[in-house]
Amino acid sequence: MASRAQPLRLPMAYRLFFLVIEPISALAGAYMAYFQPANYLTLTTPLWPSSPNLPLSTTIVLTQLANLYLLFAINEALVLRSTSDLRVWKTVLLGLLIADLGHLYSVKGLGIAGYWKIWEWNAMAWGNVGFVYAGALMRICFLSNVGIGRRVFTRKLN
């Protein structure tokens, strides 16, 4: 009989920061970037010298976006690799699926045809839509247990 994994016990400072402060801060940033984009960009701009090719605010926002992509990569490459707990895998992949849906929503300004007229896609559209479709489909399959046998991920780390 396999033993159940013990719940992770973190000090209050970690729980408070990772489970409350940081998520609220991220939501506040998301709110500002979406609902008050001009204010968000104006507040971001004055601190750094501008790029010769893009407005400074655009450069900063794109750098922040790149940092989020890095976070996604780290979560998949390191977090998932560090555990064999199926619940952790499903939780991380559910989060990434939600991010996939948000990413697809972000290109809505290109029009509905941008989601399905693949013959009109350039390389960026293949990355922003096609690759995201593929990733979302893989996550949906995993979360639906497609191809996952009963013995997969049964070993718990101590």
N, C-alpha and C. Protein backbone atom coordinates (compact mmCIF):
# COMPACT_ATOMS: atom_id res chain seq x y z
N MET A 1 0.85 -1.18 0.00
CA MET A 1 0.00 0.00 0.00
C MET A 1 0.89 1.24 0.00
N ALA A 2 0.67 2.14 -0.93
CA ALA A 2 1.48 3.36 -1.04
C ALA A 2 1.10 4.35 0.05
N SER A 3 2.11 5.00 0.62
CA SER A 3 1.81 6.00 1.64
C SER A 3 1.43 7.31 0.98
N ARG A 4 0.58 8.05 1.65
CA ARG A 4 0.16 9.36 1.14
C ARG A 4 1.25 10.37 1.40
N ALA A 5 1.44 11.28 0.48
CA ALA A 5 2.42 12.34 0.66
C ALA A 5 1.97 13.26 1.78
N GLN A 6 2.90 13.63 2.63
CA GLN A 6 2.60 14.56 3.71
C GLN A 6 2.39 15.95 3.14
N PRO A 7 1.45 16.71 3.70
CA PRO A 7 1.28 18.08 3.20
C PRO A 7 2.53 18.91 3.46
N LEU A 8 2.81 19.79 2.53
CA LEU A 8 3.97 20.66 2.65
C LEU A 8 3.68 21.73 3.69
N ARG A 9 4.56 21.86 4.65
CA ARG A 9 4.39 22.87 5.70
C ARG A 9 5.44 23.96 5.50
N LEU A 10 4.96 25.15 5.18
CA LEU A 10 5.86 26.27 4.95
C LEU A 10 5.73 27.28 6.08
N PRO A 11 6.80 27.99 6.40
CA PRO A 11 6.70 29.07 7.39
C PRO A 11 5.69 30.12 6.94
N MET A 12 5.09 30.81 7.89
CA MET A 12 4.05 31.82 7.62
C MET A 12 4.53 32.88 6.62
N ALA A 13 5.77 33.31 6.71
CA ALA A 13 6.27 34.35 5.80
C ALA A 13 6.19 33.87 4.35
N TYR A 14 6.54 32.61 4.09
CA TYR A 14 6.45 32.07 2.74
C TYR A 14 5.00 31.97 2.28
N ARG A 15 4.14 31.43 3.15
CA ARG A 15 2.73 31.28 2.77
C ARG A 15 2.11 32.63 2.48
N LEU A 16 2.39 33.59 3.34
CA LEU A 16 1.83 34.93 3.15
C LEU A 16 2.32 35.55 1.84
N PHE A 17 3.62 35.45 1.58
CA PHE A 17 4.15 36.06 0.36
C PHE A 17 3.70 35.32 -0.89
N PHE A 18 3.90 34.00 -0.94
CA PHE A 18 3.61 33.24 -2.16
C PHE A 18 2.13 33.03 -2.41
N LEU A 19 1.33 32.94 -1.35
CA LEU A 19 -0.08 32.62 -1.52
C LEU A 19 -1.01 33.82 -1.47
N VAL A 20 -0.53 34.95 -0.92
CA VAL A 20 -1.40 36.12 -0.80
C VAL A 20 -0.81 37.36 -1.47
N ILE A 21 0.33 37.81 -0.98
CA ILE A 21 0.91 39.07 -1.46
C ILE A 21 1.26 39.02 -2.95
N GLU A 22 2.01 38.00 -3.35
CA GLU A 22 2.43 37.92 -4.75
C GLU A 22 1.26 37.75 -5.71
N PRO A 23 0.30 36.86 -5.42
CA PRO A 23 -0.85 36.76 -6.34
C PRO A 23 -1.65 38.07 -6.45
N ILE A 24 -1.85 38.76 -5.32
CA ILE A 24 -2.58 40.03 -5.37
C ILE A 24 -1.79 41.05 -6.18
N SER A 25 -0.48 41.08 -5.99
CA SER A 25 0.37 41.99 -6.76
C SER A 25 0.30 41.69 -8.25
N ALA A 26 0.34 40.41 -8.61
CA ALA A 26 0.24 40.04 -10.02
C ALA A 26 -1.12 40.43 -10.59
N LEU A 27 -2.18 40.22 -9.83
CA LEU A 27 -3.52 40.63 -10.29
C LEU A 27 -3.61 42.14 -10.45
N ALA A 28 -2.99 42.88 -9.55
CA ALA A 28 -2.98 44.35 -9.67
C ALA A 28 -2.26 44.78 -10.94
N GLY A 29 -1.13 44.14 -11.23
CA GLY A 29 -0.41 44.44 -12.47
C GLY A 29 -1.23 44.10 -13.70
N ALA A 30 -1.90 42.94 -13.66
CA ALA A 30 -2.75 42.54 -14.78
C ALA A 30 -3.89 43.53 -14.96
N TYR A 31 -4.48 43.97 -13.86
CA TYR A 31 -5.57 44.95 -13.93
C TYR A 31 -5.09 46.24 -14.58
N MET A 32 -3.96 46.74 -14.12
CA MET A 32 -3.44 48.00 -14.67
C MET A 32 -3.10 47.86 -16.15
N ALA A 33 -2.42 46.76 -16.51
CA ALA A 33 -2.01 46.58 -17.91
C ALA A 33 -3.20 46.46 -18.84
N TYR A 34 -4.28 45.85 -18.37
CA TYR A 34 -5.43 45.64 -19.25
C TYR A 34 -6.42 46.80 -19.20
N PHE A 35 -6.81 47.21 -18.00
CA PHE A 35 -7.86 48.22 -17.87
C PHE A 35 -7.35 49.66 -17.89
N GLN A 36 -6.09 49.87 -17.61
CA GLN A 36 -5.50 51.21 -17.64
C GLN A 36 -4.16 51.19 -18.36
N PRO A 37 -4.15 50.74 -19.63
CA PRO A 37 -2.87 50.56 -20.32
C PRO A 37 -2.07 51.84 -20.48
N ALA A 38 -2.73 52.95 -20.77
CA ALA A 38 -1.97 54.20 -20.93
C ALA A 38 -1.31 54.58 -19.61
N ASN A 39 -2.06 54.46 -18.54
CA ASN A 39 -1.51 54.76 -17.22
C ASN A 39 -0.39 53.79 -16.87
N TYR A 40 -0.59 52.53 -17.18
CA TYR A 40 0.43 51.50 -16.94
C TYR A 40 1.71 51.85 -17.67
N LEU A 41 1.59 52.18 -18.95
CA LEU A 41 2.78 52.51 -19.75
C LEU A 41 3.42 53.81 -19.29
N THR A 42 2.58 54.81 -18.96
CA THR A 42 3.11 56.09 -18.49
C THR A 42 3.86 55.91 -17.17
N LEU A 43 3.31 55.08 -16.30
CA LEU A 43 3.97 54.83 -15.02
C LEU A 43 5.25 54.02 -15.20
N THR A 44 5.33 53.22 -16.22
CA THR A 44 6.50 52.39 -16.47
C THR A 44 7.62 53.19 -17.12
N THR A 45 7.30 54.13 -17.97
CA THR A 45 8.26 54.82 -18.84
C THR A 45 9.33 55.68 -18.19
N PRO A 46 9.06 56.53 -17.22
CA PRO A 46 10.04 57.55 -16.86
C PRO A 46 11.35 57.08 -16.24
N LEU A 47 11.47 55.82 -15.91
CA LEU A 47 12.64 55.39 -15.15
C LEU A 47 13.86 54.99 -15.96
N TRP A 48 13.70 54.63 -17.24
CA TRP A 48 14.82 54.09 -18.02
C TRP A 48 14.98 54.85 -19.34
N PRO A 49 16.20 54.86 -19.90
CA PRO A 49 16.39 55.51 -21.21
C PRO A 49 15.65 54.74 -22.30
N SER A 50 15.23 55.45 -23.32
CA SER A 50 14.40 54.79 -24.33
C SER A 50 15.23 54.03 -25.37
N SER A 51 14.56 53.06 -25.98
CA SER A 51 15.17 52.26 -27.05
C SER A 51 15.11 53.05 -28.35
N PRO A 52 16.10 52.89 -29.23
CA PRO A 52 16.07 53.63 -30.50
C PRO A 52 14.97 53.17 -31.45
N ASN A 53 14.48 51.92 -31.31
CA ASN A 53 13.52 51.39 -32.27
C ASN A 53 12.07 51.38 -31.76
N LEU A 54 11.87 51.27 -30.49
CA LEU A 54 10.53 51.20 -29.91
C LEU A 54 10.39 52.22 -28.80
N PRO A 55 9.17 52.64 -28.54
CA PRO A 55 8.98 53.50 -27.36
C PRO A 55 9.46 52.74 -26.12
N LEU A 56 10.00 53.45 -25.17
CA LEU A 56 10.52 52.84 -23.95
C LEU A 56 9.47 51.98 -23.27
N SER A 57 8.25 52.48 -23.18
CA SER A 57 7.20 51.72 -22.51
C SER A 57 6.95 50.37 -23.20
N THR A 58 6.99 50.37 -24.51
CA THR A 58 6.79 49.13 -25.26
C THR A 58 7.93 48.16 -24.99
N THR A 59 9.14 48.67 -24.98
CA THR A 59 10.30 47.84 -24.70
C THR A 59 10.20 47.20 -23.32
N ILE A 60 9.81 47.97 -22.34
CA ILE A 60 9.69 47.45 -20.97
C ILE A 60 8.60 46.40 -20.88
N VAL A 61 7.45 46.68 -21.48
CA VAL A 61 6.35 45.72 -21.43
C VAL A 61 6.73 44.43 -22.15
N LEU A 62 7.39 44.53 -23.28
CA LEU A 62 7.82 43.33 -23.98
C LEU A 62 8.86 42.55 -23.17
N THR A 63 9.71 43.26 -22.46
CA THR A 63 10.67 42.59 -21.58
C THR A 63 9.94 41.86 -20.46
N GLN A 64 8.92 42.49 -19.91
CA GLN A 64 8.13 41.83 -18.87
C GLN A 64 7.42 40.60 -19.43
N LEU A 65 6.91 40.71 -20.64
CA LEU A 65 6.27 39.56 -21.28
C LEU A 65 7.27 38.43 -21.47
N ALA A 66 8.46 38.78 -21.92
CA ALA A 66 9.51 37.77 -22.08
C ALA A 66 9.82 37.10 -20.74
N ASN A 67 9.82 37.86 -19.69
CA ASN A 67 10.05 37.31 -18.36
C ASN A 67 8.96 36.32 -17.97
N LEU A 68 7.73 36.59 -18.35
CA LEU A 68 6.64 35.65 -18.07
C LEU A 68 6.81 34.36 -18.87
N TYR A 69 7.24 34.48 -20.11
CA TYR A 69 7.52 33.28 -20.89
C TYR A 69 8.64 32.47 -20.22
N LEU A 70 9.64 33.16 -19.70
CA LEU A 70 10.71 32.48 -18.97
C LEU A 70 10.14 31.74 -17.76
N LEU A 71 9.23 32.37 -17.06
CA LEU A 71 8.59 31.71 -15.92
C LEU A 71 7.88 30.44 -16.35
N PHE A 72 7.15 30.50 -17.46
CA PHE A 72 6.47 29.30 -17.96
C PHE A 72 7.49 28.20 -18.25
N ALA A 73 8.59 28.57 -18.88
CA ALA A 73 9.62 27.59 -19.21
C ALA A 73 10.22 26.98 -17.95
N ILE A 74 10.49 27.80 -16.96
CA ILE A 74 11.06 27.31 -15.70
C ILE A 74 10.07 26.36 -15.02
N ASN A 75 8.80 26.73 -15.01
CA ASN A 75 7.81 25.86 -14.38
C ASN A 75 7.78 24.49 -15.03
N GLU A 76 7.82 24.47 -16.33
CA GLU A 76 7.78 23.18 -17.01
C GLU A 76 9.10 22.43 -16.88
N ALA A 77 10.21 23.12 -17.11
CA ALA A 77 11.50 22.44 -17.13
C ALA A 77 12.00 22.04 -15.74
N LEU A 78 11.72 22.84 -14.74
CA LEU A 78 12.25 22.56 -13.41
C LEU A 78 11.21 22.03 -12.43
N VAL A 79 10.08 22.70 -12.34
CA VAL A 79 9.08 22.29 -11.35
C VAL A 79 8.53 20.91 -11.69
N LEU A 80 8.11 20.73 -12.91
CA LEU A 80 7.54 19.43 -13.27
C LEU A 80 8.59 18.32 -13.22
N ARG A 81 9.82 18.65 -13.58
CA ARG A 81 10.89 17.66 -13.53
C ARG A 81 11.22 17.26 -12.09
N SER A 82 10.92 18.11 -11.15
CA SER A 82 11.31 17.85 -9.76
C SER A 82 10.31 17.00 -8.98
N THR A 83 9.20 16.64 -9.60
CA THR A 83 8.21 15.86 -8.88
C THR A 83 7.60 14.78 -9.75
N SER A 84 7.10 13.76 -9.09
CA SER A 84 6.36 12.72 -9.79
C SER A 84 4.93 12.68 -9.26
N ASP A 85 4.54 13.74 -8.58
CA ASP A 85 3.19 13.83 -8.03
C ASP A 85 2.23 14.31 -9.12
N LEU A 86 1.30 13.49 -9.48
CA LEU A 86 0.36 13.81 -10.55
C LEU A 86 -0.44 15.07 -10.25
N ARG A 87 -0.76 15.30 -8.99
CA ARG A 87 -1.51 16.52 -8.64
C ARG A 87 -0.72 17.77 -8.96
N VAL A 88 0.58 17.74 -8.73
CA VAL A 88 1.43 18.90 -9.04
C VAL A 88 1.45 19.11 -10.55
N TRP A 89 1.65 18.04 -11.29
CA TRP A 89 1.65 18.15 -12.74
C TRP A 89 0.34 18.75 -13.24
N LYS A 90 -0.77 18.23 -12.76
CA LYS A 90 -2.07 18.72 -13.23
C LYS A 90 -2.30 20.16 -12.82
N THR A 91 -1.85 20.53 -11.66
CA THR A 91 -2.02 21.92 -11.21
C THR A 91 -1.22 22.88 -12.08
N VAL A 92 0.04 22.56 -12.31
CA VAL A 92 0.89 23.42 -13.15
C VAL A 92 0.34 23.48 -14.57
N LEU A 93 -0.04 22.33 -15.11
CA LEU A 93 -0.53 22.32 -16.48
C LEU A 93 -1.89 23.00 -16.62
N LEU A 94 -2.73 22.93 -15.61
CA LEU A 94 -3.98 23.68 -15.63
C LEU A 94 -3.69 25.18 -15.66
N GLY A 95 -2.73 25.61 -14.86
CA GLY A 95 -2.33 27.03 -14.89
C GLY A 95 -1.84 27.45 -16.25
N LEU A 96 -1.04 26.60 -16.87
CA LEU A 96 -0.55 26.91 -18.21
C LEU A 96 -1.66 26.89 -19.26
N LEU A 97 -2.63 26.01 -19.08
CA LEU A 97 -3.78 25.99 -20.00
C LEU A 97 -4.57 27.30 -19.89
N ILE A 98 -4.77 27.75 -18.68
CA ILE A 98 -5.46 29.04 -18.48
C ILE A 98 -4.66 30.16 -19.15
N ALA A 99 -3.32 30.10 -19.01
CA ALA A 99 -2.46 31.09 -19.67
C ALA A 99 -2.57 30.98 -21.19
N ASP A 100 -2.68 29.76 -21.70
CA ASP A 100 -2.88 29.57 -23.15
C ASP A 100 -4.14 30.29 -23.61
N LEU A 101 -5.22 30.10 -22.87
CA LEU A 101 -6.49 30.75 -23.23
C LEU A 101 -6.36 32.26 -23.18
N GLY A 102 -5.67 32.75 -22.17
CA GLY A 102 -5.42 34.19 -22.08
C GLY A 102 -4.57 34.70 -23.23
N HIS A 103 -3.60 33.91 -23.63
CA HIS A 103 -2.75 34.29 -24.76
C HIS A 103 -3.57 34.35 -26.04
N LEU A 104 -4.42 33.37 -26.25
CA LEU A 104 -5.28 33.39 -27.44
C LEU A 104 -6.24 34.59 -27.40
N TYR A 105 -6.74 34.91 -26.24
CA TYR A 105 -7.61 36.07 -26.09
C TYR A 105 -6.85 37.36 -26.43
N SER A 106 -5.56 37.39 -26.11
CA SER A 106 -4.78 38.62 -26.32
C SER A 106 -4.66 39.01 -27.78
N VAL A 107 -4.84 38.08 -28.70
CA VAL A 107 -4.73 38.41 -30.12
C VAL A 107 -6.09 38.65 -30.77
N LYS A 108 -7.10 38.84 -29.97
CA LYS A 108 -8.47 39.04 -30.48
C LYS A 108 -8.57 40.24 -31.41
N GLY A 109 -7.73 41.24 -31.21
CA GLY A 109 -7.75 42.43 -32.04
C GLY A 109 -7.44 42.16 -33.51
N LEU A 110 -6.87 41.01 -33.80
CA LEU A 110 -6.56 40.64 -35.19
C LEU A 110 -7.80 40.14 -35.92
N GLY A 111 -8.89 39.97 -35.20
CA GLY A 111 -10.14 39.51 -35.80
C GLY A 111 -10.30 38.01 -35.68
N ILE A 112 -11.53 37.55 -35.79
CA ILE A 112 -11.86 36.14 -35.63
C ILE A 112 -11.15 35.27 -36.68
N ALA A 113 -10.96 35.80 -37.88
CA ALA A 113 -10.30 35.03 -38.93
C ALA A 113 -8.85 34.71 -38.55
N GLY A 114 -8.26 35.52 -37.72
CA GLY A 114 -6.89 35.28 -37.27
C GLY A 114 -6.72 33.99 -36.50
N TYR A 115 -7.83 33.43 -36.01
CA TYR A 115 -7.77 32.18 -35.25
C TYR A 115 -7.82 30.94 -36.15
N TRP A 116 -8.30 31.09 -37.37
CA TRP A 116 -8.47 29.89 -38.19
C TRP A 116 -7.95 29.97 -39.61
N LYS A 117 -7.65 31.13 -40.14
CA LYS A 117 -7.14 31.23 -41.52
C LYS A 117 -5.63 30.99 -41.53
N ILE A 118 -5.28 29.71 -41.38
CA ILE A 118 -3.87 29.37 -41.25
C ILE A 118 -3.06 29.70 -42.50
N TRP A 119 -3.68 29.71 -43.65
CA TRP A 119 -2.96 30.05 -44.89
C TRP A 119 -2.54 31.52 -44.91
N GLU A 120 -3.10 32.33 -44.02
CA GLU A 120 -2.72 33.74 -43.94
C GLU A 120 -1.71 34.00 -42.81
N TRP A 121 -1.41 32.99 -42.03
CA TRP A 121 -0.51 33.19 -40.89
C TRP A 121 0.93 33.39 -41.35
N ASN A 122 1.61 34.31 -40.68
CA ASN A 122 3.05 34.43 -40.84
C ASN A 122 3.70 33.67 -39.68
N ALA A 123 5.02 33.73 -39.57
CA ALA A 123 5.72 32.98 -38.52
C ALA A 123 5.23 33.37 -37.12
N MET A 124 4.96 34.66 -36.91
CA MET A 124 4.49 35.11 -35.59
C MET A 124 3.12 34.55 -35.28
N ALA A 125 2.23 34.51 -36.27
CA ALA A 125 0.89 33.94 -36.05
C ALA A 125 0.98 32.45 -35.73
N TRP A 126 1.90 31.75 -36.39
CA TRP A 126 2.08 30.33 -36.08
C TRP A 126 2.52 30.16 -34.62
N GLY A 127 3.34 31.07 -34.13
CA GLY A 127 3.76 31.01 -32.73
C GLY A 127 2.67 31.45 -31.77
N ASN A 128 2.00 32.55 -32.10
CA ASN A 128 0.99 33.11 -31.20
C ASN A 128 -0.33 32.37 -31.21
N VAL A 129 -0.63 31.66 -32.27
CA VAL A 129 -1.91 30.95 -32.34
C VAL A 129 -1.68 29.45 -32.54
N GLY A 130 -1.00 29.08 -33.61
CA GLY A 130 -0.82 27.66 -33.91
C GLY A 130 -0.12 26.87 -32.82
N PHE A 131 1.02 27.38 -32.35
CA PHE A 131 1.76 26.68 -31.31
C PHE A 131 0.98 26.67 -30.00
N VAL A 132 0.26 27.74 -29.73
CA VAL A 132 -0.56 27.80 -28.51
C VAL A 132 -1.69 26.78 -28.60
N TYR A 133 -2.30 26.63 -29.79
CA TYR A 133 -3.30 25.57 -29.97
C TYR A 133 -2.70 24.21 -29.62
N ALA A 134 -1.51 23.94 -30.14
CA ALA A 134 -0.87 22.64 -29.91
C ALA A 134 -0.60 22.42 -28.42
N GLY A 135 -0.05 23.42 -27.77
CA GLY A 135 0.22 23.31 -26.33
C GLY A 135 -1.05 23.12 -25.52
N ALA A 136 -2.10 23.89 -25.86
CA ALA A 136 -3.37 23.77 -25.14
C ALA A 136 -3.97 22.38 -25.35
N LEU A 137 -3.89 21.87 -26.56
CA LEU A 137 -4.42 20.53 -26.83
C LEU A 137 -3.67 19.48 -26.02
N MET A 138 -2.35 19.60 -25.94
CA MET A 138 -1.57 18.65 -25.14
C MET A 138 -1.96 18.72 -23.67
N ARG A 139 -2.15 19.93 -23.15
CA ARG A 139 -2.54 20.08 -21.75
C ARG A 139 -3.94 19.52 -21.50
N ILE A 140 -4.86 19.77 -22.42
CA ILE A 140 -6.23 19.23 -22.28
C ILE A 140 -6.18 17.71 -22.28
N CYS A 141 -5.40 17.14 -23.15
CA CYS A 141 -5.27 15.67 -23.19
C CYS A 141 -4.70 15.14 -21.87
N PHE A 142 -3.64 15.78 -21.39
CA PHE A 142 -3.02 15.35 -20.14
C PHE A 142 -4.01 15.47 -18.98
N LEU A 143 -4.67 16.62 -18.88
CA LEU A 143 -5.63 16.84 -17.79
C LEU A 143 -6.82 15.90 -17.87
N SER A 144 -7.10 15.39 -19.08
CA SER A 144 -8.19 14.44 -19.28
C SER A 144 -7.72 12.99 -19.15
N ASN A 145 -6.46 12.81 -18.77
CA ASN A 145 -5.87 11.48 -18.57
C ASN A 145 -5.74 10.68 -19.86
N VAL A 146 -5.73 11.35 -21.00
CA VAL A 146 -5.55 10.64 -22.27
C VAL A 146 -4.15 10.05 -22.30
N GLY A 147 -4.06 8.74 -22.44
CA GLY A 147 -2.77 8.07 -22.52
C GLY A 147 -2.05 7.89 -21.20
N ILE A 148 -2.68 8.23 -20.12
CA ILE A 148 -2.04 8.08 -18.81
C ILE A 148 -2.55 6.82 -18.16
N GLY A 149 -1.66 5.84 -18.00
CA GLY A 149 -2.03 4.58 -17.36
C GLY A 149 -2.10 4.75 -15.85
N ARG A 150 -2.62 3.75 -15.21
CA ARG A 150 -2.77 3.79 -13.75
C ARG A 150 -1.43 3.83 -13.02
N ARG A 151 -0.39 3.26 -13.60
CA ARG A 151 0.89 3.18 -12.91
C ARG A 151 1.80 4.40 -13.17
N VAL A 152 1.40 5.28 -14.05
CA VAL A 152 2.20 6.46 -14.33
C VAL A 152 2.13 7.42 -13.15
N PHE A 153 3.24 7.98 -12.75
CA PHE A 153 3.33 8.96 -11.68
C PHE A 153 2.85 8.43 -10.33
N THR A 154 2.98 7.14 -10.06
CA THR A 154 2.51 6.64 -8.77
C THR A 154 3.59 6.78 -7.69
N ARG A 155 4.85 6.92 -8.07
CA ARG A 155 5.92 7.06 -7.07
C ARG A 155 5.89 8.46 -6.49
N LYS A 156 5.85 8.56 -5.18
CA LYS A 156 5.89 9.86 -4.51
C LYS A 156 7.30 10.11 -4.00
N LEU A 157 7.75 11.34 -4.07
CA LEU A 157 9.04 11.68 -3.53
C LEU A 157 8.91 11.86 -2.03
N ASN A 158 9.90 11.43 -1.28
CA ASN A 158 9.85 11.57 0.19
C ASN A 158 10.40 12.90 0.61
